[in-house]
Protein backbone atom coordinates (compact mmCIF):
# COMPACT_ATOMS: atom_id res chain seq x y z
CA UNK A 1 55.58 129.17 3.66
CA UNK A 2 57.00 127.37 6.70
CA UNK A 3 58.62 124.68 4.53
CA UNK A 4 59.47 127.03 1.66
CA UNK A 5 58.08 125.05 -1.25
CA UNK A 6 55.30 125.34 -3.80
CA UNK A 7 53.34 122.34 -5.04
CA UNK A 8 51.71 122.77 -8.45
CA UNK A 9 49.60 119.91 -9.82
CA UNK A 10 48.84 120.15 -13.52
CA UNK A 11 46.42 117.73 -15.08
CA UNK A 12 46.09 116.62 -18.65
CA UNK A 13 42.99 114.50 -18.25
CA UNK A 14 42.76 110.95 -17.03
CA UNK A 15 45.40 108.82 -18.72
CA UNK A 16 46.25 111.37 -21.41
CA UNK A 17 49.87 112.11 -20.51
CA UNK A 18 51.08 110.26 -23.59
CA UNK A 19 49.49 112.94 -25.80
CA UNK A 20 52.11 114.97 -27.74
CA UNK A 21 50.90 118.24 -26.15
CA UNK A 22 51.23 117.05 -22.53
CA UNK A 23 54.71 118.55 -22.00
CA UNK A 24 53.27 121.98 -22.74
CA UNK A 25 50.74 121.54 -19.91
CA UNK A 26 53.68 120.92 -17.59
CA UNK A 27 55.55 123.93 -18.99
CA UNK A 28 52.51 126.15 -18.40
CA UNK A 29 52.33 124.94 -14.78
CA UNK A 30 56.03 125.66 -14.22
CA UNK A 31 55.68 129.10 -15.82
CA UNK A 32 52.64 129.85 -13.65
CA UNK A 33 54.49 128.94 -10.47
CA UNK A 34 57.56 130.98 -11.40
CA UNK A 35 55.41 134.01 -12.26
CA UNK A 36 53.03 133.88 -9.29
CA UNK A 37 55.17 132.77 -6.34
CA UNK A 38 58.08 134.99 -5.38
CA UNK A 39 61.41 133.46 -4.57
CA UNK A 40 61.17 130.19 -6.48
CA UNK A 41 64.62 129.11 -7.58
CA UNK A 42 64.21 127.79 -11.15
CA UNK A 43 67.22 125.53 -10.55
CA UNK A 44 65.28 123.70 -7.82
CA UNK A 45 62.14 122.70 -9.75
CA UNK A 46 61.34 118.99 -9.50
CA UNK A 47 58.74 117.05 -11.46
CA UNK A 48 56.83 114.09 -10.02
CA UNK A 49 54.14 111.88 -11.48
CA UNK A 50 51.86 109.23 -10.06
CA UNK A 51 50.74 106.25 -12.16
CA UNK A 52 49.97 107.48 -15.71
CA UNK A 53 51.54 110.78 -14.65
CA UNK A 54 54.86 108.96 -15.01
CA UNK A 55 54.41 109.14 -18.78
CA UNK A 56 53.97 112.88 -18.35
CA UNK A 57 57.17 113.10 -16.31
CA UNK A 58 59.17 111.24 -18.94
CA UNK A 59 57.76 113.17 -21.88
CA UNK A 60 58.07 116.57 -20.19
CA UNK A 61 61.65 115.92 -19.10
CA UNK A 62 62.61 114.73 -22.60
CA UNK A 63 60.90 117.70 -24.26
CA UNK A 64 61.98 120.36 -21.76
CA UNK A 65 65.61 119.51 -20.98
CA UNK A 66 67.20 121.68 -18.34
CA UNK A 67 63.86 122.58 -16.74
CA UNK A 68 63.89 120.12 -13.85
CA UNK A 69 66.50 119.51 -11.15
CA UNK A 70 65.20 115.99 -10.69
CA UNK A 71 62.34 113.64 -11.40
CA UNK A 72 60.14 111.35 -9.32
CA UNK A 73 58.12 108.40 -10.63
CA UNK A 74 55.56 107.26 -8.02
CA UNK A 75 54.44 103.87 -9.26
CA UNK A 76 54.62 105.62 -12.60
CA UNK A 77 54.15 104.45 -16.15
CA UNK A 78 57.57 104.47 -17.77
CA UNK A 79 58.13 104.55 -21.52
CA UNK A 80 61.60 103.16 -22.23
CA UNK A 81 61.74 104.63 -25.73
CA UNK A 82 61.15 108.11 -24.25
CA UNK A 83 63.51 107.55 -21.31
CA UNK A 84 66.46 106.67 -23.58
CA UNK A 85 66.80 110.35 -24.53
CA UNK A 86 70.07 112.16 -23.87
CA UNK A 87 67.94 114.72 -21.99
CA UNK A 88 68.16 112.34 -18.99
CA UNK A 89 71.98 112.29 -18.86
CA UNK A 90 73.08 113.46 -15.42
CA UNK A 91 69.46 113.83 -14.23
CA UNK A 92 68.64 112.71 -10.67
CA UNK A 93 65.67 110.35 -10.68
CA UNK A 94 63.78 108.72 -7.81
CA UNK A 95 61.55 105.75 -8.62
CA UNK A 96 59.15 104.51 -5.94
CA UNK A 97 57.30 101.31 -6.78
CA UNK A 98 55.11 98.88 -4.90
CA UNK A 99 55.75 95.30 -5.96
CA UNK A 100 52.04 94.52 -5.63
CA UNK A 101 50.86 97.28 -7.99
CA UNK A 102 48.43 95.62 -10.42
CA UNK A 103 48.32 98.53 -12.88
CA UNK A 104 51.95 99.57 -13.22
CA UNK A 105 53.95 96.37 -13.28
CA UNK A 106 57.36 95.97 -11.73
CA UNK A 107 58.65 94.60 -15.05
CA UNK A 108 57.65 97.82 -16.83
CA UNK A 109 59.24 99.96 -14.14
CA UNK A 110 62.51 98.02 -14.14
CA UNK A 111 62.68 98.28 -17.93
CA UNK A 112 62.21 102.05 -17.59
CA UNK A 113 64.87 102.24 -14.88
CA UNK A 114 67.33 100.43 -17.13
CA UNK A 115 66.58 102.85 -20.00
CA UNK A 116 67.22 105.81 -17.67
CA UNK A 117 70.51 104.34 -16.50
CA UNK A 118 71.61 103.72 -20.09
CA UNK A 119 70.78 107.37 -20.85
CA UNK A 120 73.11 108.41 -18.02
CA UNK A 121 70.58 109.29 -15.31
CA UNK A 122 71.38 108.78 -11.64
CA UNK A 123 68.52 106.54 -10.55
CA UNK A 124 67.48 105.57 -7.03
CA UNK A 125 64.80 102.88 -6.74
CA UNK A 126 62.72 102.32 -3.61
CA UNK A 127 60.51 99.22 -3.63
CA UNK A 128 58.03 97.82 -1.16
């Protein structure tokens, strides 16, 4: 209440965000938040994913265009073929990646970042 935000954390099982039904799990979570928490501005809904959740971010944003004000990939799996969608044009995207991550490689992330840029997304990358 003090910071005026709601954090909703859907899950689609461990490592299952690449499943074709995963965007609907995200949509259900968004719908739940909008229905159960008064005052949420639908134009200020952001989607973030950690690790394999990055695949969920990409797939949900591609499947549900116009739903999210921006996206965050936290050392997230990025699927360039998904991220090339026109649904990302004009989308604000923050990518945070640790160079020492052994599971989500920097090469994969940079390839995903390039796909987002080619799709017209405004991408900010923070690396450590």
